[in-house]
Amino acid sequence: MITVTVVSAQPDAAERHIVTLPAGATLRDAVLAAGVPIEEATDAGIWGKAAPLDAPLAAGDRVELYRPLLADPKSARKKRATEQGYRWQGRTRRAVRGTTGEPATP
C-alpha cells in the first residue's frame, strides 16, 4: 500500500486529500480515490510536473490538479502595473549611430 496526497486549488479555497492506494496505482486512481470527478482532472501533475493520468505513483507523491488560466499572466501583470501608475517606456534608449559608426551627438 502507498499513501499519496491529492491537492487542488480553487479561487476561494484549497483542498487536500490523503489517500491510501494499492502498489502500482496510477494518477487516475488517486484522483478517483480523492472523490474528484475525472473530467475535472484533465490537467494534473506529480510534484509540480505535468503527468498523464496513467502515470504510476510512488509512496509519498503529491498529486496536483491544475485549473485553467482565466487570463494571460503577462497581460494581467501589465494591466496591474498600469493601474498602479507605472509608465511603460518600451525599449531602452540608445544613441543613434551615424553611418560612420560614431555615436550621434545630442
PDB file of N, CA and C in Angstrom:
ATOM      1  N   MET A   1       0.849  -1.187   0.000  1.00  0.00           N
ATOM      2  CA  MET A   1       0.000   0.000   0.000  1.00  0.00           C
ATOM      3  C   MET A   1       0.893   1.249   0.000  1.00  0.00           C
ATOM      4  N   ILE A   2       0.455   2.253  -0.732  1.00  0.00           N
ATOM      5  CA  ILE A   2       1.167   3.532  -0.767  1.00  0.00           C
ATOM      6  C   ILE A   2       0.208   4.639  -0.366  1.00  0.00           C
ATOM      7  N   THR A   3       0.762   5.690   0.206  1.00  0.00           N
ATOM      8  CA  THR A   3      -0.031   6.845   0.597  1.00  0.00           C
ATOM      9  C   THR A   3       0.429   8.038  -0.222  1.00  0.00           C
ATOM     10  N   VAL A   4      -0.537   8.726  -0.850  1.00  0.00           N
ATOM     11  CA  VAL A   4      -0.235   9.920  -1.643  1.00  0.00           C
ATOM     12  C   VAL A   4      -1.167  11.046  -1.207  1.00  0.00           C
ATOM     13  N   THR A   5      -0.767  12.262  -1.505  1.00  0.00           N
ATOM     14  CA  THR A   5      -1.568  13.443  -1.211  1.00  0.00           C
ATOM     15  C   THR A   5      -2.086  14.013  -2.513  1.00  0.00           C
ATOM     16  N   VAL A   6      -3.389  14.288  -2.566  1.00  0.00           N
ATOM     17  CA  VAL A   6      -4.013  14.888  -3.745  1.00  0.00           C
ATOM     18  C   VAL A   6      -4.445  16.294  -3.352  1.00  0.00           C
ATOM     19  N   VAL A   7      -3.926  17.306  -4.064  1.00  0.00           N
ATOM     20  CA  VAL A   7      -4.260  18.694  -3.753  1.00  0.00           C
ATOM     21  C   VAL A   7      -4.828  19.379  -4.988  1.00  0.00           C
ATOM     22  N   SER A   8      -5.754  20.305  -4.745  1.00  0.00           N
ATOM     23  CA  SER A   8      -6.296  21.138  -5.814  1.00  0.00           C
ATOM     24  C   SER A   8      -6.584  22.507  -5.225  1.00  0.00           C
ATOM     25  N   ALA A   9      -6.384  23.530  -6.021  1.00  0.00           N
ATOM     26  CA  ALA A   9      -6.611  24.896  -5.560  1.00  0.00           C
ATOM     27  C   ALA A   9      -7.743  25.518  -6.361  1.00  0.00           C
ATOM     28  N   GLN A  10      -8.720  26.007  -5.655  1.00  0.00           N
ATOM     29  CA  GLN A  10      -9.827  26.735  -6.264  1.00  0.00           C
ATOM     30  C   GLN A  10      -9.652  28.210  -5.920  1.00  0.00           C
ATOM     31  N   PRO A  11     -10.354  29.101  -6.599  1.00  0.00           N
ATOM     32  CA  PRO A  11     -10.173  30.524  -6.298  1.00  0.00           C
ATOM     33  C   PRO A  11     -10.459  30.894  -4.838  1.00  0.00           C
ATOM     34  N   ASP A  12     -11.360  30.169  -4.189  1.00  0.00           N
ATOM     35  CA  ASP A  12     -11.741  30.526  -2.827  1.00  0.00           C
ATOM     36  C   ASP A  12     -11.154  29.625  -1.744  1.00  0.00           C
ATOM     37  N   ALA A  13     -10.644  28.456  -2.120  1.00  0.00           N
ATOM     38  CA  ALA A  13     -10.107  27.541  -1.109  1.00  0.00           C
ATOM     39  C   ALA A  13      -9.218  26.487  -1.756  1.00  0.00           C
ATOM     40  N   ALA A  14      -8.442  25.824  -0.929  1.00  0.00           N
ATOM     41  CA  ALA A  14      -7.600  24.722  -1.391  1.00  0.00           C
ATOM     42  C   ALA A  14      -8.085  23.442  -0.718  1.00  0.00           C
ATOM     43  N   GLU A  15      -8.015  22.347  -1.459  1.00  0.00           N
ATOM     44  CA  GLU A  15      -8.434  21.055  -0.923  1.00  0.00           C
ATOM     45  C   GLU A  15      -7.248  20.114  -0.889  1.00  0.00           C
ATOM     46  N   ARG A  16      -7.176  19.313   0.174  1.00  0.00           N
ATOM     47  CA  ARG A  16      -6.093  18.344   0.320  1.00  0.00           C
ATOM     48  C   ARG A  16      -6.678  17.035   0.827  1.00  0.00           C
ATOM     49  N   HIS A  17      -6.384  15.973   0.093  1.00  0.00           N
ATOM     50  CA  HIS A  17      -6.864  14.644   0.461  1.00  0.00           C
ATOM     51  C   HIS A  17      -5.663  13.715   0.557  1.00  0.00           C
ATOM     52  N   ILE A  18      -5.604  12.957   1.629  1.00  0.00           N
ATOM     53  CA  ILE A  18      -4.575  11.932   1.771  1.00  0.00           C
ATOM     54  C   ILE A  18      -5.258  10.595   1.519  1.00  0.00           C
ATOM     55  N   VAL A  19      -4.774   9.887   0.485  1.00  0.00           N
ATOM     56  CA  VAL A  19      -5.408   8.628   0.106  1.00  0.00           C
ATOM     57  C   VAL A  19      -4.394   7.494   0.156  1.00  0.00           C
ATOM     58  N   THR A  20      -4.889   6.310   0.491  1.00  0.00           N
ATOM     59  CA  THR A  20      -4.067   5.111   0.505  1.00  0.00           C
ATOM     60  C   THR A  20      -4.502   4.236  -0.656  1.00  0.00           C
ATOM     61  N   LEU A  21      -3.530   3.829  -1.469  1.00  0.00           N
ATOM     62  CA  LEU A  21      -3.803   3.069  -2.685  1.00  0.00           C
ATOM     63  C   LEU A  21      -2.951   1.806  -2.715  1.00  0.00           C
ATOM     64  N   PRO A  22      -3.349   0.826  -3.509  1.00  0.00           N
ATOM     65  CA  PRO A  22      -2.507  -0.370  -3.646  1.00  0.00           C
ATOM     66  C   PRO A  22      -1.250  -0.045  -4.447  1.00  0.00           C
ATOM     67  N   ALA A  23      -0.209  -0.824  -4.265  1.00  0.00           N
ATOM     68  CA  ALA A  23       1.030  -0.625  -5.016  1.00  0.00           C
ATOM     69  C   ALA A  23       0.735  -0.744  -6.508  1.00  0.00           C
ATOM     70  N   GLY A  24       1.388   0.098  -7.305  1.00  0.00           N
ATOM     71  CA  GLY A  24       1.175   0.097  -8.744  1.00  0.00           C
ATOM     72  C   GLY A  24       0.023   0.989  -9.181  1.00  0.00           C
ATOM     73  N   ALA A  25      -0.518   1.798  -8.267  1.00  0.00           N
ATOM     74  CA  ALA A  25      -1.635   2.688  -8.600  1.00  0.00           C
ATOM     75  C   ALA A  25      -1.170   3.802  -9.524  1.00  0.00           C
ATOM     76  N   THR A  26      -2.113   4.357 -10.275  1.00  0.00           N
ATOM     77  CA  THR A  26      -1.803   5.438 -11.210  1.00  0.00           C
ATOM     78  C   THR A  26      -2.386   6.744 -10.705  1.00  0.00           C
ATOM     79  N   LEU A  27      -2.040   7.800 -11.409  1.00  0.00           N
ATOM     80  CA  LEU A  27      -2.550   9.127 -11.067  1.00  0.00           C
ATOM     81  C   LEU A  27      -4.073   9.133 -11.145  1.00  0.00           C
ATOM     82  N   ARG A  28      -4.651   8.456 -12.128  1.00  0.00           N
ATOM     83  CA  ARG A  28      -6.111   8.365 -12.268  1.00  0.00           C
ATOM     84  C   ARG A  28      -6.732   7.742 -11.025  1.00  0.00           C
ATOM     85  N   ASP A  29      -6.114   6.684 -10.485  1.00  0.00           N
ATOM     86  CA  ASP A  29      -6.624   6.021  -9.287  1.00  0.00           C
ATOM     87  C   ASP A  29      -6.638   6.985  -8.095  1.00  0.00           C
ATOM     88  N   ALA A  30      -5.611   7.791  -7.970  1.00  0.00           N
ATOM     89  CA  ALA A  30      -5.532   8.739  -6.855  1.00  0.00           C
ATOM     90  C   ALA A  30      -6.611   9.808  -6.963  1.00  0.00           C
ATOM     91  N   VAL A  31      -6.848  10.279  -8.177  1.00  0.00           N
ATOM     92  CA  VAL A  31      -7.878  11.311  -8.383  1.00  0.00           C
ATOM     93  C   VAL A  31      -9.250  10.744  -8.035  1.00  0.00           C
ATOM     94  N   LEU A  32      -9.543   9.555  -8.498  1.00  0.00           N
ATOM     95  CA  LEU A  32     -10.840   8.936  -8.209  1.00  0.00           C
ATOM     96  C   LEU A  32     -10.998   8.640  -6.720  1.00  0.00           C
ATOM     97  N   ALA A  33      -9.927   8.206  -6.047  1.00  0.00           N
ATOM     98  CA  ALA A  33      -9.990   7.914  -4.609  1.00  0.00           C
ATOM     99  C   ALA A  33     -10.215   9.182  -3.797  1.00  0.00           C
ATOM    100  N   ALA A  34      -9.773  10.343  -4.321  1.00  0.00           N
ATOM    101  CA  ALA A  34      -9.970  11.604  -3.615  1.00  0.00           C
ATOM    102  C   ALA A  34     -11.378  12.148  -3.811  1.00  0.00           C
ATOM    103  N   GLY A  35     -12.149  11.508  -4.696  1.00  0.00           N
ATOM    104  CA  GLY A  35     -13.524  11.947  -4.906  1.00  0.00           C
ATOM    105  C   GLY A  35     -13.660  13.074  -5.905  1.00  0.00           C
ATOM    106  N   VAL A  36     -12.648  13.295  -6.720  1.00  0.00           N
ATOM    107  CA  VAL A  36     -12.685  14.350  -7.731  1.00  0.00           C
ATOM    108  C   VAL A  36     -13.169  13.721  -9.033  1.00  0.00           C
ATOM    109  N   PRO A  37     -14.169  14.330  -9.696  1.00  0.00           N
ATOM    110  CA  PRO A  37     -14.601  13.785 -10.991  1.00  0.00           C
ATOM    111  C   PRO A  37     -13.443  13.804 -11.985  1.00  0.00           C
ATOM    112  N   ILE A  38     -13.290  12.747 -12.751  1.00  0.00           N
ATOM    113  CA  ILE A  38     -12.162  12.611 -13.662  1.00  0.00           C
ATOM    114  C   ILE A  38     -12.201  13.691 -14.750  1.00  0.00           C
ATOM    115  N   GLU A  39     -13.363  14.250 -15.071  1.00  0.00           N
ATOM    116  CA  GLU A  39     -13.458  15.319 -16.064  1.00  0.00           C
ATOM    117  C   GLU A  39     -12.743  16.580 -15.594  1.00  0.00           C
ATOM    118  N   GLU A  40     -12.674  16.787 -14.282  1.00  0.00           N
ATOM    119  CA  GLU A  40     -12.013  17.968 -13.729  1.00  0.00           C
ATOM    120  C   GLU A  40     -10.506  17.783 -13.615  1.00  0.00           C
ATOM    121  N   ALA A  41     -10.028  16.569 -13.845  1.00  0.00           N
ATOM    122  CA  ALA A  41      -8.603  16.273 -13.661  1.00  0.00           C
ATOM    123  C   ALA A  41      -7.875  16.145 -14.993  1.00  0.00           C
ATOM    124  N   THR A  42      -8.281  16.922 -15.992  1.00  0.00           N
ATOM    125  CA  THR A  42      -7.616  16.814 -17.292  1.00  0.00           C
ATOM    126  C   THR A  42      -6.176  17.302 -17.222  1.00  0.00           C
ATOM    127  N   ASP A  43      -5.897  18.288 -16.395  1.00  0.00           N
ATOM    128  CA  ASP A  43      -4.534  18.772 -16.195  1.00  0.00           C
ATOM    129  C   ASP A  43      -4.098  18.402 -14.787  1.00  0.00           C
ATOM    130  N   ALA A  44      -3.153  17.486 -14.704  1.00  0.00           N
ATOM    131  CA  ALA A  44      -2.682  17.032 -13.404  1.00  0.00           C
ATOM    132  C   ALA A  44      -1.180  16.813 -13.473  1.00  0.00           C
ATOM    133  N   GLY A  45      -0.570  16.772 -12.304  1.00  0.00           N
ATOM    134  CA  GLY A  45       0.866  16.554 -12.263  1.00  0.00           C
ATOM    135  C   GLY A  45       1.283  15.921 -10.959  1.00  0.00           C
ATOM    136  N   ILE A  46       2.546  15.528 -10.921  1.00  0.00           N
ATOM    137  CA  ILE A  46       3.126  14.940  -9.722  1.00  0.00           C
ATOM    138  C   ILE A  46       4.304  15.821  -9.320  1.00  0.00           C
ATOM    139  N   TRP A  47       4.234  16.367  -8.125  1.00  0.00           N
ATOM    140  CA  TRP A  47       5.279  17.259  -7.608  1.00  0.00           C
ATOM    141  C   TRP A  47       5.587  18.412  -8.568  1.00  0.00           C
ATOM    142  N   GLY A  48       4.555  19.045  -9.135  1.00  0.00           N
ATOM    143  CA  GLY A  48       4.741  20.231  -9.959  1.00  0.00           C
ATOM    144  C   GLY A  48       5.115  19.972 -11.395  1.00  0.00           C
ATOM    145  N   LYS A  49       5.175  18.736 -11.814  1.00  0.00           N
ATOM    146  CA  LYS A  49       5.490  18.406 -13.209  1.00  0.00           C
ATOM    147  C   LYS A  49       4.280  17.713 -13.823  1.00  0.00           C
ATOM    148  N   ALA A  50       3.840  18.216 -14.971  1.00  0.00           N
ATOM    149  CA  ALA A  50       2.675  17.643 -15.635  1.00  0.00           C
ATOM    150  C   ALA A  50       2.903  16.166 -15.933  1.00  0.00           C
ATOM    151  N   ALA A  51       1.847  15.386 -15.747  1.00  0.00           N
ATOM    152  CA  ALA A  51       1.943  13.946 -15.968  1.00  0.00           C
ATOM    153  C   ALA A  51       0.620  13.442 -16.532  1.00  0.00           C
ATOM    154  N   PRO A  52       0.654  12.395 -17.351  1.00  0.00           N
ATOM    155  CA  PRO A  52      -0.593  11.818 -17.860  1.00  0.00           C
ATOM    156  C   PRO A  52      -1.321  11.064 -16.750  1.00  0.00           C
ATOM    157  N   LEU A  53      -2.601  10.820 -16.961  1.00  0.00           N
ATOM    158  CA  LEU A  53      -3.395  10.142 -15.942  1.00  0.00           C
ATOM    159  C   LEU A  53      -2.979   8.697 -15.716  1.00  0.00           C
ATOM    160  N   ASP A  54      -2.242   8.103 -16.636  1.00  0.00           N
ATOM    161  CA  ASP A  54      -1.805   6.729 -16.435  1.00  0.00           C
ATOM    162  C   ASP A  54      -0.384   6.629 -15.871  1.00  0.00           C
ATOM    163  N   ALA A  55       0.138   7.740 -15.341  1.00  0.00           N
ATOM    164  CA  ALA A  55       1.480   7.744 -14.739  1.00  0.00           C
ATOM    165  C   ALA A  55       1.454   6.982 -13.412  1.00  0.00           C
ATOM    166  N   PRO A  56       2.438   6.122 -13.181  1.00  0.00           N
ATOM    167  CA  PRO A  56       2.469   5.375 -11.909  1.00  0.00           C
ATOM    168  C   PRO A  56       2.881   6.286 -10.748  1.00  0.00           C
ATOM    169  N   LEU A  57       2.392   5.951  -9.579  1.00  0.00           N
ATOM    170  CA  LEU A  57       2.697   6.736  -8.376  1.00  0.00           C
ATOM    171  C   LEU A  57       3.620   5.954  -7.454  1.00  0.00           C
ATOM    172  N   ALA A  58       4.377   6.696  -6.651  1.00  0.00           N
ATOM    173  CA  ALA A  58       5.228   6.110  -5.621  1.00  0.00           C
ATOM    174  C   ALA A  58       4.736   6.608  -4.267  1.00  0.00           C
ATOM    175  N   ALA A  59       5.135   5.939  -3.228  1.00  0.00           N
ATOM    176  CA  ALA A  59       4.731   6.340  -1.882  1.00  0.00           C
ATOM    177  C   ALA A  59       5.221   7.750  -1.580  1.00  0.00           C
ATOM    178  N   GLY A  60       4.337   8.575  -1.026  1.00  0.00           N
ATOM    179  CA  GLY A  60       4.702   9.929  -0.648  1.00  0.00           C
ATOM    180  C   GLY A  60       4.559  10.956  -1.756  1.00  0.00           C
ATOM    181  N   ASP A  61       4.102  10.559  -2.946  1.00  0.00           N
ATOM    182  CA  ASP A  61       3.935  11.518  -4.038  1.00  0.00           C
ATOM    183  C   ASP A  61       2.853  12.537  -3.709  1.00  0.00           C
ATOM    184  N   ARG A  62       2.988  13.707  -4.322  1.00  0.00           N
ATOM    185  CA  ARG A  62       1.994  14.768  -4.194  1.00  0.00           C
ATOM    186  C   ARG A  62       1.365  14.955  -5.570  1.00  0.00           C
ATOM    187  N   VAL A  63       0.101  14.599  -5.700  1.00  0.00           N
ATOM    188  CA  VAL A  63      -0.639  14.739  -6.950  1.00  0.00           C
ATOM    189  C   VAL A  63      -1.311  16.103  -6.936  1.00  0.00           C
ATOM    190  N   GLU A  64      -1.077  16.888  -7.976  1.00  0.00           N
ATOM    191  CA  GLU A  64      -1.625  18.240  -8.048  1.00  0.00           C
ATOM    192  C   GLU A  64      -2.582  18.336  -9.221  1.00  0.00           C
ATOM    193  N   LEU A  65      -3.759  18.901  -8.972  1.00  0.00           N
ATOM    194  CA  LEU A  65      -4.759  19.111 -10.012  1.00  0.00           C
ATOM    195  C   LEU A  65      -4.742  20.593 -10.382  1.00  0.00           C
ATOM    196  N   TYR A  66      -4.522  20.864 -11.653  1.00  0.00           N
ATOM    197  CA  TYR A  66      -4.384  22.245 -12.116  1.00  0.00           C
ATOM    198  C   TYR A  66      -5.684  22.719 -12.746  1.00  0.00           C
ATOM    199  N   ARG A  67      -5.987  23.988 -12.576  1.00  0.00           N
ATOM    200  CA  ARG A  67      -7.165  24.566 -13.225  1.00  0.00           C
ATOM    201  C   ARG A  67      -6.702  25.466 -14.359  1.00  0.00           C
ATOM    202  N   PRO A  68      -7.565  25.691 -15.339  1.00  0.00           N
ATOM    203  CA  PRO A  68      -7.144  26.510 -16.479  1.00  0.00           C
ATOM    204  C   PRO A  68      -6.946  27.964 -16.076  1.00  0.00           C
ATOM    205  N   LEU A  69      -6.060  28.650 -16.793  1.00  0.00           N
ATOM    206  CA  LEU A  69      -5.823  30.062 -16.545  1.00  0.00           C
ATOM    207  C   LEU A  69      -6.998  30.872 -17.072  1.00  0.00           C
ATOM    208  N   LEU A  70      -7.409  31.876 -16.320  1.00  0.00           N
ATOM    209  CA  LEU A  70      -8.519  32.716 -16.749  1.00  0.00           C
ATOM    210  C   LEU A  70      -8.036  33.906 -17.563  1.00  0.00           C
ATOM    211  N   ALA A  71      -6.765  34.252 -17.418  1.00  0.00           N
ATOM    212  CA  ALA A  71      -6.210  35.392 -18.145  1.00  0.00           C
ATOM    213  C   ALA A  71      -4.748  35.122 -18.437  1.00  0.00           C
ATOM    214  N   ASP A  72      -4.228  35.789 -19.440  1.00  0.00           N
ATOM    215  CA  ASP A  72      -2.819  35.680 -19.773  1.00  0.00           C
ATOM    216  C   ASP A  72      -2.006  36.369 -18.671  1.00  0.00           C
ATOM    217  N   PRO A  73      -1.083  35.665 -18.003  1.00  0.00           N
ATOM    218  CA  PRO A  73      -0.346  36.266 -16.883  1.00  0.00           C
ATOM    219  C   PRO A  73       0.430  37.525 -17.276  1.00  0.00           C
ATOM    220  N   LYS A  74       0.976  37.550 -18.476  1.00  0.00           N
ATOM    221  CA  LYS A  74       1.767  38.710 -18.907  1.00  0.00           C
ATOM    222  C   LYS A  74       0.886  39.949 -19.062  1.00  0.00           C
ATOM    223  N   SER A  75      -0.262  39.793 -19.706  1.00  0.00           N
ATOM    224  CA  SER A  75      -1.135  40.957 -19.882  1.00  0.00           C
ATOM    225  C   SER A  75      -1.768  41.381 -18.560  1.00  0.00           C
ATOM    226  N   ALA A  76      -2.049  40.427 -17.667  1.00  0.00           N
ATOM    227  CA  ALA A  76      -2.607  40.779 -16.358  1.00  0.00           C
ATOM    228  C   ALA A  76      -1.601  41.582 -15.539  1.00  0.00           C
ATOM    229  N   ARG A  77      -0.327  41.195 -15.601  1.00  0.00           N
ATOM    230  CA  ARG A  77       0.711  41.938 -14.875  1.00  0.00           C
ATOM    231  C   ARG A  77       0.857  43.349 -15.439  1.00  0.00           C
ATOM    232  N   LYS A  78       0.814  43.468 -16.749  1.00  0.00           N
ATOM    233  CA  LYS A  78       0.930  44.785 -17.373  1.00  0.00           C
ATOM    234  C   LYS A  78      -0.252  45.667 -16.978  1.00  0.00           C
ATOM    235  N   LYS A  79      -1.454  45.091 -16.929  1.00  0.00           N
ATOM    236  CA  LYS A  79      -2.645  45.850 -16.535  1.00  0.00           C
ATOM    237  C   LYS A  79      -2.526  46.340 -15.093  1.00  0.00           C
ATOM    238  N   ARG A  80      -2.067  45.451 -14.184  1.00  0.00           N
ATOM    239  CA  ARG A  80      -1.900  45.864 -12.780  1.00  0.00           C
ATOM    240  C   ARG A  80      -0.876  46.982 -12.654  1.00  0.00           C
ATOM    241  N   ALA A  81       0.233  46.869 -13.384  1.00  0.00           N
ATOM    242  CA  ALA A  81       1.274  47.893 -13.312  1.00  0.00           C
ATOM    243  C   ALA A  81       0.760  49.223 -13.840  1.00  0.00           C
ATOM    244  N   THR A  82      -0.012  49.202 -14.903  1.00  0.00           N
ATOM    245  CA  THR A  82      -0.568  50.429 -15.472  1.00  0.00           C
ATOM    246  C   THR A  82      -1.537  51.069 -14.482  1.00  0.00           C
ATOM    247  N   GLU A  83      -2.356  50.257 -13.832  1.00  0.00           N
ATOM    248  CA  GLU A  83      -3.310  50.777 -12.844  1.00  0.00           C
ATOM    249  C   GLU A  83      -2.597  51.401 -11.655  1.00  0.00           C
ATOM    250  N   GLN A  84      -1.387  50.924 -11.339  1.00  0.00           N
ATOM    251  CA  GLN A  84      -0.636  51.453 -10.209  1.00  0.00           C
ATOM    252  C   GLN A  84       0.219  52.650 -10.597  1.00  0.00           C
ATOM    253  N   GLY A  85       0.150  53.065 -11.854  1.00  0.00           N
ATOM    254  CA  GLY A  85       0.841  54.275 -12.261  1.00  0.00           C
ATOM    255  C   GLY A  85       2.189  54.074 -12.919  1.00  0.00           C
ATOM    256  N   TYR A  86       2.573  52.857 -13.219  1.00  0.00           N
ATOM    257  CA  TYR A  86       3.852  52.626 -13.877  1.00  0.00           C
ATOM    258  C   TYR A  86       3.733  53.014 -15.339  1.00  0.00           C
ATOM    259  N   ARG A  87       4.726  53.756 -15.851  1.00  0.00           N
ATOM    260  CA  ARG A  87       4.701  54.181 -17.252  1.00  0.00           C
ATOM    261  C   ARG A  87       5.604  53.277 -18.068  1.00  0.00           C
ATOM    262  N   TRP A  88       5.055  52.697 -19.107  1.00  0.00           N
ATOM    263  CA  TRP A  88       5.822  51.811 -19.984  1.00  0.00           C
ATOM    264  C   TRP A  88       6.617  52.649 -20.959  1.00  0.00           C
ATOM    265  N   GLN A  89       7.917  52.373 -21.071  1.00  0.00           N
ATOM    266  CA  GLN A  89       8.766  53.146 -21.962  1.00  0.00           C
ATOM    267  C   GLN A  89       9.191  52.354 -23.184  1.00  0.00           C
ATOM    268  N   GLY A  90       8.786  51.127 -23.273  1.00  0.00           N
ATOM    269  CA  GLY A  90       9.170  50.325 -24.429  1.00  0.00           C
ATOM    270  C   GLY A  90      10.632  49.932 -24.345  1.00  0.00           C
ATOM    271  N   ARG A  91      11.324  49.993 -25.462  1.00  0.00           N
ATOM    272  CA  ARG A  91      12.738  49.613 -25.493  1.00  0.00           C
ATOM    273  C   ARG A  91      13.585  50.672 -24.791  1.00  0.00           C
ATOM    274  N   THR A  92      14.757  50.288 -24.381  1.00  0.00           N
ATOM    275  CA  THR A  92      15.643  51.249 -23.740  1.00  0.00           C
ATOM    276  C   THR A  92      16.171  52.228 -24.779  1.00  0.00           C
ATOM    277  N   ARG A  93      16.493  53.407 -24.335  1.00  0.00           N
ATOM    278  CA  ARG A  93      17.002  54.416 -25.269  1.00  0.00           C
ATOM    279  C   ARG A  93      18.465  54.147 -25.564  1.00  0.00           C
ATOM    280  N   ARG A  94      18.812  54.237 -26.800  1.00  0.00           N
ATOM    281  CA  ARG A  94      20.193  54.061 -27.216  1.00  0.00           C
ATOM    282  C   ARG A  94      20.575  55.202 -28.132  1.00  0.00           C
ATOM    283  N   ALA A  95      21.861  55.521 -28.140  1.00  0.00           N
ATOM    284  CA  ALA A  95      22.323  56.590 -29.021  1.00  0.00           C
ATOM    285  C   ALA A  95      22.188  56.127 -30.470  1.00  0.00           C
ATOM    286  N   VAL A  96      21.713  57.028 -31.298  1.00  0.00           N
ATOM    287  CA  VAL A  96      21.571  56.715 -32.717  1.00  0.00           C
ATOM    288  C   VAL A  96      22.935  56.851 -33.357  1.00  0.00           C
ATOM    289  N   ARG A  97      23.362  55.834 -34.056  1.00  0.00           N
ATOM    290  CA  ARG A  97      24.680  55.857 -34.687  1.00  0.00           C
ATOM    291  C   ARG A  97      24.576  56.393 -36.106  1.00  0.00           C
ATOM    292  N   GLY A  98      25.560  57.163 -36.476  1.00  0.00           N
ATOM    293  CA  GLY A  98      25.627  57.675 -37.844  1.00  0.00           C
ATOM    294  C   GLY A  98      26.175  56.605 -38.778  1.00  0.00           C
ATOM    295  N   THR A  99      26.417  56.952 -40.003  1.00  0.00           N
ATOM    296  CA  THR A  99      26.906  55.985 -40.987  1.00  0.00           C
ATOM    297  C   THR A  99      28.347  55.574 -40.711  1.00  0.00           C
ATOM    298  N   THR A 100      29.091  56.382 -39.948  1.00  0.00           N
ATOM    299  CA  THR A 100      30.482  56.067 -39.688  1.00  0.00           C
ATOM    300  C   THR A 100      30.652  55.178 -38.463  1.00  0.00           C
ATOM    301  N   GLY A 101      29.578  54.912 -37.782  1.00  0.00           N
ATOM    302  CA  GLY A 101      29.671  54.086 -36.577  1.00  0.00           C
ATOM    303  C   GLY A 101      29.940  54.900 -35.327  1.00  0.00           C
ATOM    304  N   GLU A 102      30.113  56.208 -35.467  1.00  0.00           N
ATOM    305  CA  GLU A 102      30.301  57.087 -34.311  1.00  0.00           C
ATOM    306  C   GLU A 102      28.957  57.403 -33.693  1.00  0.00           C
ATOM    307  N   PRO A 103      28.894  57.528 -32.373  1.00  0.00           N
ATOM    308  CA  PRO A 103      27.635  57.906 -31.743  1.00  0.00           C
ATOM    309  C   PRO A 103      27.229  59.306 -32.188  1.00  0.00           C
ATOM    310  N   ALA A 104      25.938  59.473 -32.420  1.00  0.00           N
ATOM    311  CA  ALA A 104      25.430  60.796 -32.821  1.00  0.00           C
ATOM    312  C   ALA A 104      25.460  61.718 -31.619  1.00  0.00           C
ATOM    313  N   THR A 105      25.713  62.970 -31.853  1.00  0.00           N
ATOM    314  CA  THR A 105      25.740  63.944 -30.758  1.00  0.00           C
ATOM    315  C   THR A 105      24.323  64.429 -30.521  1.00  0.00           C
ATOM    316  N   PRO A 106      23.955  64.569 -29.306  1.00  0.00           N
ATOM    317  CA  PRO A 106      22.571  65.004 -28.993  1.00  0.00           C
ATOM    318  C   PRO A 106      22.330  66.451 -29.292  1.00  0.00           C
TER     319      PRO A 106
END
